[in-house]
Amino acid sequence: MNRKDLSMHDYPEDTLMPAAPAGLRDDTIGGRISLARDAMGMTVEQISSVVGVTTETWTNWENDRSEPRANRLDMLARILQISIAWLIDGQGKGPLEAK
């Protein structure tokens, strides 16, 4: 089972799906974005404001409805204090190593 097996269609577009089971949250870029935001202790509203995107865009990223453009990956990695490699494929410095 992966994060996408959780039915996205059961939730309104502007809400986050329930948290995925432990170990599955970081198997997609959206899961890693969510995990890193949680590690920073920031809300969707706070982080989306810092990054300069709407809360809808951020929510779509976390729920794997869309992905950040390549030109935003470096900025996201710096703000979330993770490596770009971890953000893209789960390899490298993630939020747990950052603490």
Foldseek 3Di string as FASTA:
>chain_A
DALPVPDPVVDDLLDADPQDPPPRLQQALLSLLVVLCVLVVDDLCVVCVVLVHDSSVNRCSNSVVDHDDPVSLVVSCVVSVADSCCSHGNDGGGSVNSD
